[in-house]
Amino acid sequence: KIDGLSASLTYEHGRLVRAATRGDGTTGEDI
């Protein structure tokens, strides 16, 4: 387990289009 900042990376057709923090688990920050 790596203790860092959780991030979610959205890829569409193989390209990165959005990245977000976990925030409150439902809504995060656009980074």
PDB file of all heavy atoms in Angstrom:
ATOM      1  N   LYS A   1       0.843  -1.190   0.000  1.00  0.00           N
ATOM      2  CA  LYS A   1       0.000   0.000   0.000  1.00  0.00           C
ATOM      3  C   LYS A   1       0.883   1.247   0.000  1.00  0.00           C
ATOM      4  O   LYS A   1       1.750   1.388   0.853  1.00  0.00           O
ATOM      5  CB  LYS A   1      -0.915   0.024   1.224  1.00  0.00           C
ATOM      6  CG  LYS A   1      -1.848   1.240   1.258  1.00  0.00           C
ATOM      7  CD  LYS A   1      -2.718   1.219   2.495  1.00  0.00           C
ATOM      8  CE  LYS A   1      -3.691   2.392   2.478  1.00  0.00           C
ATOM      9  NZ  LYS A   1      -3.005   3.704   2.512  1.00  0.00           N
ATOM     10  N   ILE A   2       0.647   2.113  -0.958  1.00  0.00           N
ATOM     11  CA  ILE A   2       1.372   3.369  -1.050  1.00  0.00           C
ATOM     12  C   ILE A   2       0.501   4.466  -0.438  1.00  0.00           C
ATOM     13  O   ILE A   2      -0.662   4.622  -0.807  1.00  0.00           O
ATOM     14  CB  ILE A   2       1.697   3.725  -2.514  1.00  0.00           C
ATOM     15  CG1 ILE A   2       2.570   2.638  -3.147  1.00  0.00           C
ATOM     16  CG2 ILE A   2       2.371   5.083  -2.608  1.00  0.00           C
ATOM     17  CD1 ILE A   2       3.925   2.466  -2.492  1.00  0.00           C
ATOM     18  N   ASP A   3       1.055   5.208   0.503  1.00  0.00           N
ATOM     19  CA  ASP A   3       0.292   6.259   1.171  1.00  0.00           C
ATOM     20  C   ASP A   3       0.568   7.591   0.489  1.00  0.00           C
ATOM     21  O   ASP A   3       1.592   8.224   0.694  1.00  0.00           O
ATOM     22  CB  ASP A   3       0.683   6.340   2.652  1.00  0.00           C
ATOM     23  CG  ASP A   3      -0.290   7.201   3.439  1.00  0.00           C
ATOM     24  OD1 ASP A   3      -1.386   7.465   2.927  1.00  0.00           O
ATOM     25  OD2 ASP A   3       0.050   7.597   4.564  1.00  0.00           O
ATOM     26  N   GLY A   4      -0.348   7.984  -0.376  1.00  0.00           N
ATOM     27  CA  GLY A   4      -0.215   9.241  -1.086  1.00  0.00           C
ATOM     28  C   GLY A   4      -1.568   9.901  -1.222  1.00  0.00           C
ATOM     29  O   GLY A   4      -2.431   9.745  -0.358  1.00  0.00           O
ATOM     30  N   LEU A   5      -1.777  10.603  -2.308  1.00  0.00           N
ATOM     31  CA  LEU A   5      -3.054  11.253  -2.591  1.00  0.00           C
ATOM     32  C   LEU A   5      -3.777  10.435  -3.648  1.00  0.00           C
ATOM     33  O   LEU A   5      -3.255  10.228  -4.740  1.00  0.00           O
ATOM     34  CB  LEU A   5      -2.828  12.680  -3.100  1.00  0.00           C
ATOM     35  CG  LEU A   5      -4.099  13.464  -3.436  1.00  0.00           C
ATOM     36  CD1 LEU A   5      -4.848  13.845  -2.170  1.00  0.00           C
ATOM     37  CD2 LEU A   5      -3.757  14.731  -4.233  1.00  0.00           C
ATOM     38  N   SER A   6      -4.980   9.981  -3.335  1.00  0.00           N
ATOM     39  CA  SER A   6      -5.747   9.184  -4.291  1.00  0.00           C
ATOM     40  C   SER A   6      -6.141  10.025  -5.492  1.00  0.00           C
ATOM     41  O   SER A   6      -6.560  11.180  -5.351  1.00  0.00           O
ATOM     42  CB  SER A   6      -6.999   8.620  -3.624  1.00  0.00           C
ATOM     43  OG  SER A   6      -6.656   7.735  -2.578  1.00  0.00           O
ATOM     44  N   ALA A   7      -6.014   9.448  -6.669  1.00  0.00           N
ATOM     45  CA  ALA A   7      -6.367  10.154  -7.900  1.00  0.00           C
ATOM     46  C   ALA A   7      -7.106   9.214  -8.838  1.00  0.00           C
ATOM     47  O   ALA A   7      -6.830   8.010  -8.884  1.00  0.00           O
ATOM     48  CB  ALA A   7      -5.120  10.705  -8.583  1.00  0.00           C
ATOM     49  N   SER A   8      -8.051   9.781  -9.575  1.00  0.00           N
ATOM     50  CA  SER A   8      -8.817   9.035 -10.573  1.00  0.00           C
ATOM     51  C   SER A   8      -8.554   9.655 -11.941  1.00  0.00           C
ATOM     52  O   SER A   8      -8.714  10.873 -12.111  1.00  0.00           O
ATOM     53  CB  SER A   8     -10.307   9.097 -10.238  1.00  0.00           C
ATOM     54  OG  SER A   8     -11.077   8.418 -11.219  1.00  0.00           O
ATOM     55  N   LEU A   9      -8.141   8.842 -12.905  1.00  0.00           N
ATOM     56  CA  LEU A   9      -7.762   9.316 -14.234  1.00  0.00           C
ATOM     57  C   LEU A   9      -8.734   8.753 -15.265  1.00  0.00           C
ATOM     58  O   LEU A   9      -8.841   7.536 -15.405  1.00  0.00           O
ATOM     59  CB  LEU A   9      -6.337   8.865 -14.578  1.00  0.00           C
ATOM     60  CG  LEU A   9      -5.280   9.009 -13.481  1.00  0.00           C
ATOM     61  CD1 LEU A   9      -3.954   8.429 -13.957  1.00  0.00           C
ATOM     62  CD2 LEU A   9      -5.130  10.469 -13.072  1.00  0.00           C
ATOM     63  N   THR A  10      -9.435   9.605 -15.969  1.00  0.00           N
ATOM     64  CA  THR A  10     -10.403   9.163 -16.966  1.00  0.00           C
ATOM     65  C   THR A  10      -9.782   9.195 -18.356  1.00  0.00           C
ATOM     66  O   THR A  10      -9.262  10.234 -18.799  1.00  0.00           O
ATOM     67  CB  THR A  10     -11.655  10.057 -16.950  1.00  0.00           C
ATOM     68  OG1 THR A  10     -12.261   9.990 -15.660  1.00  0.00           O
ATOM     69  CG2 THR A  10     -12.666   9.585 -17.991  1.00  0.00           C
ATOM     70  N   TYR A  11      -9.851   8.048 -19.035  1.00  0.00           N
ATOM     71  CA  TYR A  11      -9.352   7.918 -20.403  1.00  0.00           C
ATOM     72  C   TYR A  11     -10.517   7.616 -21.334  1.00  0.00           C
ATOM     73  O   TYR A  11     -11.354   6.756 -21.042  1.00  0.00           O
ATOM     74  CB  TYR A  11      -8.319   6.795 -20.498  1.00  0.00           C
ATOM     75  CG  TYR A  11      -6.985   7.159 -19.901  1.00  0.00           C
ATOM     76  CD1 TYR A  11      -6.778   7.098 -18.528  1.00  0.00           C
ATOM     77  CD2 TYR A  11      -5.923   7.575 -20.700  1.00  0.00           C
ATOM     78  CE1 TYR A  11      -5.560   7.436 -17.963  1.00  0.00           C
ATOM     79  CE2 TYR A  11      -4.690   7.916 -20.145  1.00  0.00           C
ATOM     80  CZ  TYR A  11      -4.520   7.844 -18.780  1.00  0.00           C
ATOM     81  OH  TYR A  11      -3.311   8.191 -18.236  1.00  0.00           O
ATOM     82  N   GLU A  12     -10.565   8.331 -22.432  1.00  0.00           N
ATOM     83  CA  GLU A  12     -11.554   8.069 -23.473  1.00  0.00           C
ATOM     84  C   GLU A  12     -10.829   7.802 -24.778  1.00  0.00           C
ATOM     85  O   GLU A  12      -9.976   8.601 -25.199  1.00  0.00           O
ATOM     86  CB  GLU A  12     -12.499   9.269 -23.619  1.00  0.00           C
ATOM     87  CG  GLU A  12     -13.384   9.485 -22.382  1.00  0.00           C
ATOM     88  CD  GLU A  12     -14.333  10.662 -22.524  1.00  0.00           C
ATOM     89  OE1 GLU A  12     -14.234  11.372 -23.554  1.00  0.00           O
ATOM     90  OE2 GLU A  12     -15.158  10.866 -21.613  1.00  0.00           O
ATOM     91  N   HIS A  13     -11.111   6.640 -25.362  1.00  0.00           N
ATOM     92  CA  HIS A  13     -10.439   6.208 -26.590  1.00  0.00           C
ATOM     93  C   HIS A  13      -8.917   6.279 -26.429  1.00  0.00           C
ATOM     94  O   HIS A  13      -8.188   6.649 -27.356  1.00  0.00           O
ATOM     95  CB  HIS A  13     -10.899   7.054 -27.780  1.00  0.00           C
ATOM     96  CG  HIS A  13     -12.386   7.035 -27.971  1.00  0.00           C
ATOM     97  ND1 HIS A  13     -13.080   5.911 -28.386  1.00  0.00           N
ATOM     98  CD2 HIS A  13     -13.322   8.004 -27.760  1.00  0.00           C
ATOM     99  CE1 HIS A  13     -14.363   6.185 -28.440  1.00  0.00           C
ATOM    100  NE2 HIS A  13     -14.547   7.434 -28.053  1.00  0.00           N
ATOM    101  N   GLY A  14      -8.461   5.920 -25.214  1.00  0.00           N
ATOM    102  CA  GLY A  14      -7.034   5.823 -24.958  1.00  0.00           C
ATOM    103  C   GLY A  14      -6.358   7.116 -24.577  1.00  0.00           C
ATOM    104  O   GLY A  14      -5.144   7.120 -24.327  1.00  0.00           O
ATOM    105  N   ARG A  15      -7.085   8.224 -24.510  1.00  0.00           N
ATOM    106  CA  ARG A  15      -6.475   9.522 -24.195  1.00  0.00           C
ATOM    107  C   ARG A  15      -6.956  10.046 -22.846  1.00  0.00           C
ATOM    108  O   ARG A  15      -8.142   9.943 -22.525  1.00  0.00           O
ATOM    109  CB  ARG A  15      -6.787  10.542 -25.294  1.00  0.00           C
ATOM    110  CG  ARG A  15      -6.173  10.185 -26.633  1.00  0.00           C
ATOM    111  CD  ARG A  15      -6.435  11.287 -27.664  1.00  0.00           C
ATOM    112  NE  ARG A  15      -5.800  10.963 -28.951  1.00  0.00           N
ATOM    113  CZ  ARG A  15      -4.541  11.206 -29.238  1.00  0.00           C
ATOM    114  NH1 ARG A  15      -3.754  11.793 -28.349  1.00  0.00           N
ATOM    115  NH2 ARG A  15      -4.037  10.871 -30.415  1.00  0.00           N
ATOM    116  N   LEU A  16      -6.031  10.605 -22.082  1.00  0.00           N
ATOM    117  CA  LEU A  16      -6.377  11.182 -20.786  1.00  0.00           C
ATOM    118  C   LEU A  16      -7.213  12.441 -21.004  1.00  0.00           C
ATOM    119  O   LEU A  16      -6.782  13.387 -21.666  1.00  0.00           O
ATOM    120  CB  LEU A  16      -5.101  11.541 -20.012  1.00  0.00           C
ATOM    121  CG  LEU A  16      -5.306  12.233 -18.663  1.00  0.00           C
ATOM    122  CD1 LEU A  16      -6.005  11.314 -17.674  1.00  0.00           C
ATOM    123  CD2 LEU A  16      -3.957  12.691 -18.096  1.00  0.00           C
ATOM    124  N   VAL A  17      -8.430  12.456 -20.407  1.00  0.00           N
ATOM    125  CA  VAL A  17      -9.304  13.617 -20.587  1.00  0.00           C
ATOM    126  C   VAL A  17      -9.603  14.326 -19.269  1.00  0.00           C
ATOM    127  O   VAL A  17      -9.988  15.498 -19.272  1.00  0.00           O
ATOM    128  CB  VAL A  17     -10.635  13.228 -21.265  1.00  0.00           C
ATOM    129  CG1 VAL A  17     -10.388  12.709 -22.671  1.00  0.00           C
ATOM    130  CG2 VAL A  17     -11.409  12.199 -20.437  1.00  0.00           C
ATOM    131  N   ARG A  18      -9.436  13.625 -18.137  1.00  0.00           N
ATOM    132  CA  ARG A  18      -9.751  14.266 -16.861  1.00  0.00           C
ATOM    133  C   ARG A  18      -9.051  13.534 -15.730  1.00  0.00           C
ATOM    134  O   ARG A  18      -8.896  12.314 -15.768  1.00  0.00           O
ATOM    135  CB  ARG A  18     -11.260  14.268 -16.609  1.00  0.00           C
ATOM    136  CG  ARG A  18     -11.714  15.060 -15.393  1.00  0.00           C
ATOM    137  CD  ARG A  18     -13.230  15.014 -15.237  1.00  0.00           C
ATOM    138  NE  ARG A  18     -13.900  15.495 -16.448  1.00  0.00           N
ATOM    139  CZ  ARG A  18     -14.518  14.732 -17.330  1.00  0.00           C
ATOM    140  NH1 ARG A  18     -14.545  13.412 -17.139  1.00  0.00           N
ATOM    141  NH2 ARG A  18     -15.094  15.238 -18.392  1.00  0.00           N
ATOM    142  N   ALA A  19      -8.652  14.296 -14.717  1.00  0.00           N
ATOM    143  CA  ALA A  19      -8.074  13.715 -13.498  1.00  0.00           C
ATOM    144  C   ALA A  19      -8.702  14.410 -12.305  1.00  0.00           C
ATOM    145  O   ALA A  19      -8.953  15.618 -12.327  1.00  0.00           O
ATOM    146  CB  ALA A  19      -6.564  13.894 -13.484  1.00  0.00           C
ATOM    147  N   ALA A  20      -8.956  13.642 -11.257  1.00  0.00           N
ATOM    148  CA  ALA A  20      -9.612  14.202 -10.078  1.00  0.00           C
ATOM    149  C   ALA A  20      -9.060  13.582  -8.806  1.00  0.00           C
ATOM    150  O   ALA A  20      -8.598  12.436  -8.805  1.00  0.00           O
ATOM    151  CB  ALA A  20     -11.127  13.968 -10.140  1.00  0.00           C
ATOM    152  N   THR A  21      -9.113  14.359  -7.725  1.00  0.00           N
ATOM    153  CA  THR A  21      -8.797  13.821  -6.410  1.00  0.00           C
ATOM    154  C   THR A  21     -10.008  13.056  -5.878  1.00  0.00           C
ATOM    155  O   THR A  21     -11.108  13.128  -6.450  1.00  0.00           O
ATOM    156  CB  THR A  21      -8.465  14.944  -5.415  1.00  0.00           C
ATOM    157  OG1 THR A  21      -9.641  15.770  -5.241  1.00  0.00           O
ATOM    158  CG2 THR A  21      -7.315  15.805  -5.916  1.00  0.00           C
ATOM    159  N   ARG A  22      -9.817  12.334  -4.784  1.00  0.00           N
ATOM    160  CA  ARG A  22     -10.937  11.614  -4.171  1.00  0.00           C
ATOM    161  C   ARG A  22     -11.952  12.572  -3.561  1.00  0.00           C
ATOM    162  O   ARG A  22     -13.152  12.339  -3.615  1.00  0.00           O
ATOM    163  CB  ARG A  22     -10.428  10.657  -3.085  1.00  0.00           C
ATOM    164  CG  ARG A  22     -11.555   9.869  -2.425  1.00  0.00           C
ATOM    165  CD  ARG A  22     -11.018   8.784  -1.532  1.00  0.00           C
ATOM    166  NE  ARG A  22     -10.207   9.323  -0.448  1.00  0.00           N
ATOM    167  CZ  ARG A  22      -9.492   8.570   0.389  1.00  0.00           C
ATOM    168  NH1 ARG A  22      -9.463   7.262   0.223  1.00  0.00           N
ATOM    169  NH2 ARG A  22      -8.791   9.108   1.358  1.00  0.00           N
ATOM    170  N   GLY A  23     -11.477  13.675  -2.965  1.00  0.00           N
ATOM    171  CA  GLY A  23     -12.395  14.599  -2.299  1.00  0.00           C
ATOM    172  C   GLY A  23     -13.133  13.914  -1.172  1.00  0.00           C
ATOM    173  O   GLY A  23     -12.524  13.270  -0.314  1.00  0.00           O
ATOM    174  N   ASP A  24     -14.466  14.009  -1.187  1.00  0.00           N
ATOM    175  CA  ASP A  24     -15.259  13.366  -0.142  1.00  0.00           C
ATOM    176  C   ASP A  24     -15.732  11.975  -0.543  1.00  0.00           C
ATOM    177  O   ASP A  24     -16.575  11.380   0.122  1.00  0.00           O
ATOM    178  CB  ASP A  24     -16.457  14.245   0.244  1.00  0.00           C
ATOM    179  CG  ASP A  24     -17.419  14.472  -0.920  1.00  0.00           C
ATOM    180  OD1 ASP A  24     -17.255  13.840  -1.986  1.00  0.00           O
ATOM    181  OD2 ASP A  24     -18.345  15.293  -0.760  1.00  0.00           O
ATOM    182  N   GLY A  25     -15.171  11.458  -1.632  1.00  0.00           N
ATOM    183  CA  GLY A  25     -15.539  10.124  -2.098  1.00  0.00           C
ATOM    184  C   GLY A  25     -16.589  10.139  -3.189  1.00  0.00           C
ATOM    185  O   GLY A  25     -16.664   9.225  -4.010  1.00  0.00           O
ATOM    186  N   THR A  26     -17.413  11.169  -3.205  1.00  0.00           N
ATOM    187  CA  THR A  26     -18.443  11.335  -4.228  1.00  0.00           C
ATOM    188  C   THR A  26     -18.052  12.412  -5.239  1.00  0.00           C
ATOM    189  O   THR A  26     -18.252  12.256  -6.440  1.00  0.00           O
ATOM    190  CB  THR A  26     -19.787  11.712  -3.579  1.00  0.00           C
ATOM    191  OG1 THR A  26     -20.181  10.672  -2.676  1.00  0.00           O
ATOM    192  CG2 THR A  26     -20.871  11.896  -4.626  1.00  0.00           C
ATOM    193  N   THR A  27     -17.473  13.490  -4.736  1.00  0.00           N
ATOM    194  CA  THR A  27     -17.059  14.619  -5.575  1.00  0.00           C
ATOM    195  C   THR A  27     -15.611  14.975  -5.259  1.00  0.00           C
ATOM    196  O   THR A  27     -15.252  15.115  -4.090  1.00  0.00           O
ATOM    197  CB  THR A  27     -17.952  15.844  -5.327  1.00  0.00           C
ATOM    198  OG1 THR A  27     -19.317  15.490  -5.556  1.00  0.00           O
ATOM    199  CG2 THR A  27     -17.569  16.987  -6.259  1.00  0.00           C
ATOM    200  N   GLY A  28     -14.801  15.100  -6.295  1.00  0.00           N
ATOM    201  CA  GLY A  28     -13.396  15.450  -6.107  1.00  0.00           C
ATOM    202  C   GLY A  28     -13.047  16.756  -6.785  1.00  0.00           C
ATOM    203  O   GLY A  28     -13.922  17.474  -7.292  1.00  0.00           O
ATOM    204  N   GLU A  29     -11.753  17.064  -6.810  1.00  0.00           N
ATOM    205  CA  GLU A  29     -11.243  18.294  -7.405  1.00  0.00           C
ATOM    206  C   GLU A  29     -10.624  17.989  -8.768  1.00  0.00           C
ATOM    207  O   GLU A  29      -9.926  16.985  -8.929  1.00  0.00           O
ATOM    208  CB  GLU A  29     -10.172  18.908  -6.490  1.00  0.00           C
ATOM    209  CG  GLU A  29     -10.664  19.213  -5.092  1.00  0.00           C
ATOM    210  CD  GLU A  29      -9.593  19.024  -4.018  1.00  0.00           C
ATOM    211  OE1 GLU A  29      -8.618  18.269  -4.283  1.00  0.00           O
ATOM    212  OE2 GLU A  29      -9.742  19.602  -2.941  1.00  0.00           O
ATOM    213  N   ASP A  30     -10.884  18.845  -9.726  1.00  0.00           N
ATOM    214  CA  ASP A  30     -10.313  18.671 -11.065  1.00  0.00           C
ATOM    215  C   ASP A  30      -8.843  19.091 -11.034  1.00  0.00           C
ATOM    216  O   ASP A  30      -8.512  20.257 -10.856  1.00  0.00           O
ATOM    217  CB  ASP A  30     -11.086  19.532 -12.066  1.00  0.00           C
ATOM    218  CG  ASP A  30     -10.690  19.228 -13.506  1.00  0.00           C
ATOM    219  OD1 ASP A  30      -9.540  18.792 -13.741  1.00  0.00           O
ATOM    220  OD2 ASP A  30     -11.525  19.423 -14.396  1.00  0.00           O
ATOM    221  N   ILE A  31      -7.951  18.127 -11.199  1.00  0.00           N
ATOM    222  CA  ILE A  31      -6.509  18.386 -11.173  1.00  0.00           C
ATOM    223  C   ILE A  31      -5.864  17.951 -12.489  1.00  0.00           C
ATOM    224  O   ILE A  31      -4.689  17.595 -12.525  1.00  0.00           O
ATOM    225  CB  ILE A  31      -5.833  17.665  -9.987  1.00  0.00           C
ATOM    226  CG1 ILE A  31      -6.208  16.175  -9.986  1.00  0.00           C
ATOM    227  CG2 ILE A  31      -6.196  18.336  -8.666  1.00  0.00           C
ATOM    228  CD1 ILE A  31      -5.368  15.325  -9.061  1.00  0.00           C
TER     229      ILE A  31
END
